C-alpha atoms as a PDB file:
ATOM      1  CA  MET A   1      29.979 -18.864  -2.959  1.00  0.00           C
ATOM      2  CA  ARG A   2      30.427 -20.807  -6.287  1.00  0.00           C
ATOM      3  CA  ALA A   3      34.216 -20.003  -6.378  1.00  0.00           C
ATOM      4  CA  SER A   4      34.809 -21.480  -2.886  1.00  0.00           C
ATOM      5  CA  GLY A   5      32.717 -24.594  -3.687  1.00  0.00           C
ATOM      6  CA  ALA A   6      34.918 -24.987  -6.937  1.00  0.00           C
ATOM      7  CA  ILE A   7      38.099 -24.594  -4.942  1.00  0.00           C
ATOM      8  CA  LEU A   8      36.839 -27.226  -2.416  1.00  0.00           C
ATOM      9  CA  VAL A   9      35.943 -29.699  -5.235  1.00  0.00           C
ATOM     10  CA  GLY A  10      39.477 -29.051  -6.702  1.00  0.00           C
ATOM     11  CA  PHE A  11      41.177 -29.806  -3.547  1.00  0.00           C
ATOM     12  CA  ALA A  12      39.072 -32.826  -3.073  1.00  0.00           C
ATOM     13  CA  LEU A  13      40.073 -34.227  -6.543  1.00  0.00           C
ATOM     14  CA  LEU A  14      43.651 -33.397  -5.961  1.00  0.00           C
ATOM     15  CA  ALA A  15      43.634 -35.306  -2.650  1.00  0.00           C
ATOM     16  CA  ILE A  16      41.934 -38.384  -4.262  1.00  0.00           C
ATOM     17  CA  GLY A  17      44.386 -38.250  -7.178  1.00  0.00           C
ATOM     18  CA  LEU A  18      47.463 -38.072  -4.821  1.00  0.00           C
ATOM     19  CA  ALA A  19      45.943 -40.919  -2.751  1.00  0.00           C
ATOM     20  CA  VAL A  20      45.526 -43.165  -5.754  1.00  0.00           C
ATOM     21  CA  GLY A  21      48.957 -42.251  -7.184  1.00  0.00           C
ATOM     22  CA  ILE A  22      50.785 -42.941  -3.974  1.00  0.00           C
ATOM     23  CA  GLY A  23      48.539 -45.982  -3.015  1.00  0.00           C
ATOM     24  CA  THR A  24      49.415 -47.750  -6.146  1.00  0.00           C
ATOM     25  CA  ARG A  25      53.166 -47.521  -5.376  1.00  0.00           C
ATOM     26  CA  LEU A  26      53.037 -48.571  -1.790  1.00  0.00           C
ATOM     27  CA  SER A  27      53.105 -52.250  -0.453  1.00  0.00           C
ATOM     28  CA  ASP A  28      49.846 -53.770   1.075  1.00  0.00           C
ATOM     29  CA  GLN A  29      51.352 -53.445   4.546  1.00  0.00           C
ATOM     30  CA  ALA A  30      52.115 -49.795   4.137  1.00  0.00           C
ATOM     31  CA  VAL A  31      48.625 -49.081   2.812  1.00  0.00           C
ATOM     32  CA  ALA A  32      47.122 -50.993   5.777  1.00  0.00           C
ATOM     33  CA  ALA A  33      49.272 -48.985   8.176  1.00  0.00           C
ATOM     34  CA  LEU A  34      48.186 -45.696   6.740  1.00  0.00           C
ATOM     35  CA  ALA A  35      44.583 -46.727   6.644  1.00  0.00           C
ATOM     36  CA  GLY A  36      44.741 -47.679  10.346  1.00  0.00           C
ATOM     37  CA  ALA A  37      46.372 -44.290  11.187  1.00  0.00           C
ATOM     38  CA  ALA A  38      43.756 -42.436   9.193  1.00  0.00           C
ATOM     39  CA  CYS A  39      40.970 -44.392  11.019  1.00  0.00           C
ATOM     40  CA  GLY A  40      42.583 -43.884  14.395  1.00  0.00           C
ATOM     41  CA  VAL A  41      42.691 -40.047  13.683  1.00  0.00           C
ATOM     42  CA  GLY A  42      39.034 -40.188  12.451  1.00  0.00           C
ATOM     43  CA  ILE A  43      37.986 -41.762  15.746  1.00  0.00           C
ATOM     44  CA  ALA A  44      40.261 -39.769  18.022  1.00  0.00           C
ATOM     45  CA  ALA A  45      39.529 -36.256  16.819  1.00  0.00           C
ATOM     46  CA  PRO A  46      35.707 -36.325  17.447  1.00  0.00           C
ATOM     47  CA  LEU A  47      36.160 -37.995  20.786  1.00  0.00           C
ATOM     48  CA  GLY A  48      38.724 -35.393  21.775  1.00  0.00           C
ATOM     49  CA  ILE A  49      36.477 -32.567  20.789  1.00  0.00           C
ATOM     50  CA  ALA A  50      33.492 -34.177  22.702  1.00  0.00           C
ATOM     51  CA  ILE A  51      35.532 -34.640  25.841  1.00  0.00           C
ATOM     52  CA  GLY A  52      36.925 -31.107  25.683  1.00  0.00           C
ATOM     53  CA  ALA A  53      33.454 -29.686  25.262  1.00  0.00           C
ATOM     54  CA  TYR A  54      32.210 -31.819  28.138  1.00  0.00           C
ATOM     55  CA  VAL A  55      35.011 -30.691  30.531  1.00  0.00           C
ATOM     56  CA  GLY A  56      34.714 -27.124  29.459  1.00  0.00           C
ATOM     57  CA  SER A  57      31.029 -27.046  30.169  1.00  0.00           C
ATOM     58  CA  SER A  58      31.450 -28.774  33.604  1.00  0.00           C
ATOM     59  CA  ARG A  59      34.143 -26.261  34.569  1.00  0.00           C
ATOM     60  CA  ALA A  60      31.825 -23.402  33.581  1.00  0.00           C
ATOM     61  CA  ARG A  61      29.075 -24.849  35.790  1.00  0.00           C
ATOM     62  CA  LEU A  62      31.540 -25.275  38.836  1.00  0.00           C
ATOM     63  CA  GLN A  63      32.885 -21.728  38.773  1.00  0.00           C
ATOM     64  CA  PRO A  64      31.561 -19.463  41.529  1.00  0.00           C
ATOM     65  CA  ALA A  65      29.351 -16.493  40.496  1.00  0.00           C
ATOM     66  CA  GLN A  66      31.570 -14.037  42.208  1.00  0.00           C
ATOM     67  CA  PRO A  67      35.396 -13.994  41.911  1.00  0.00           C
ATOM     68  CA  PRO A  68      37.131 -14.618  45.280  1.00  0.00           C
ATOM     69  CA  ALA A  69      38.170 -11.660  47.123  1.00  0.00           C
ATOM     70  CA  ALA A  70      41.675 -10.513  46.788  1.00  0.00           C
ATOM     71  CA  PRO A  71      43.889 -11.835  49.666  1.00  0.00           C
ATOM     72  CA  GLN A  72      45.017  -9.302  52.329  1.00  0.00           C
ATOM     73  CA  VAL A  73      48.824  -8.607  52.163  1.00  0.00           C
ATOM     74  CA  ILE A  74      50.579  -7.577  55.310  1.00  0.00           C
ATOM     75  CA  VAL A  75      54.051  -6.119  54.859  1.00  0.00           C
ATOM     76  CA  VAL A  76      56.238  -6.354  57.947  1.00  0.00           C
ATOM     77  CA  PRO A  77      59.226  -4.105  57.968  1.00  0.00           C
ATOM     78  CA  ALA A  78      62.541  -5.653  58.476  1.00  0.00           C
ATOM     79  CA  PRO A  79      64.350  -4.825  61.741  1.00  0.00           C
ATOM     80  CA  ASN A  80      67.212  -2.373  61.722  1.00  0.00           C
ATOM     81  CA  ALA A  81      70.054  -4.458  60.447  1.00  0.00           C
ATOM     82  CA  PRO A  82      73.573  -3.281  59.882  1.00  0.00           C
ATOM     83  CA  PRO A  83      74.394  -2.245  56.338  1.00  0.00           C
ATOM     84  CA  LEU A  84      75.753  -5.140  54.246  1.00  0.00           C
ATOM     85  CA  HIS A  85      78.822  -3.381  53.055  1.00  0.00           C
ATOM     86  CA  THR A  86      80.847  -0.628  54.777  1.00  0.00           C
ATOM     87  CA  PRO A  87      84.293   0.349  53.818  1.00  0.00           C
ATOM     88  CA  GLN A  88      85.639  -0.649  57.169  1.00  0.00           C
ATOM     89  CA  SER A  89      84.190  -4.085  57.150  1.00  0.00           C
ATOM     90  CA  TYR A  90      85.932  -5.507  53.996  1.00  0.00           C
ATOM     91  CA  PRO A  91      89.644  -4.719  53.678  1.00  0.00           C
ATOM     92  CA  ILE A  92      91.011  -4.699  50.168  1.00  0.00           C
ATOM     93  CA  ALA A  93      93.101  -7.839  49.579  1.00  0.00           C
ATOM     94  CA  PRO A  94      96.138  -7.557  47.261  1.00  0.00           C
ATOM     95  CA  PRO A  95      95.580  -9.146  43.802  1.00  0.00           C
ATOM     96  CA  LEU A  96      96.636 -12.734  43.680  1.00  0.00           C
ATOM     97  CA  MET A  97      99.419 -13.391  41.222  1.00  0.00           C
ATOM     98  CA  PRO A  98      99.770 -16.966  39.904  1.00  0.00           C
ATOM     99  CA  ALA A  99     103.025 -18.668  40.615  1.00  0.00           C
ATOM    100  CA  PRO A 100     105.306 -18.935  37.517  1.00  0.00           C
ATOM    101  CA  ARG A 101     104.991 -22.265  35.800  1.00  0.00           C
ATOM    102  CA  SER A 102     107.454 -24.003  33.600  1.00  0.00           C
ATOM    103  CA  PHE A 103     106.518 -26.336  30.792  1.00  0.00           C
ATOM    104  CA  THR A 104     108.499 -29.130  29.167  1.00  0.00           C
ATOM    105  CA  ILE A 105     107.689 -30.166  25.624  1.00  0.00           C
ATOM    106  CA  ILE A 106     108.357 -33.949  25.333  1.00  0.00           C
ATOM    107  CA  GLY A 107     110.380 -34.834  22.450  1.00  0.00           C
ATOM    108  CA  ASP A 108     111.814 -31.342  21.919  1.00  0.00           C
ATOM    109  CA  ALA A 109     115.709 -31.545  21.453  1.00  0.00           C
ATOM    110  CA  HIS A 110     116.067 -27.918  22.521  1.00  0.00           C
ATOM    111  CA  ALA A 111     114.342 -28.569  25.915  1.00  0.00           C
ATOM    112  CA  GLU A 112     116.457 -31.659  26.632  1.00  0.00           C
ATOM    113  CA  ASP A 113     119.572 -29.694  25.908  1.00  0.00           C
ATOM    114  CA  GLU A 114     118.627 -26.939  28.417  1.00  0.00           C
ATOM    115  CA  ARG A 115     118.179 -29.485  31.226  1.00  0.00           C
ATOM    116  CA  SER A 116     121.458 -31.055  30.682  1.00  0.00           C
END
């Protein structure tokens, strides 16, 4: 127990030392902004915890004692439909070959000679 207390005091002293060291190098406006942010977090955290506890306890009171019964599931079989794919229904198309394309490189002396 004493070791954990000593570690806690050590961390507190380290935090205070860092706060003083950093605070002396910052401008007054920056220190005011950091103090405002720290105060905002100090106010928002307990309020958030209190609101969360209130909402959680009110939800616990509103829940029914018994869980609702499972819904009944009715499965209707599909009518007899023709199969989606039969060998006779889809003829095999020949593979599509792209048409040959010719390219001309602009400014190429060899290509200009071939066109002439």
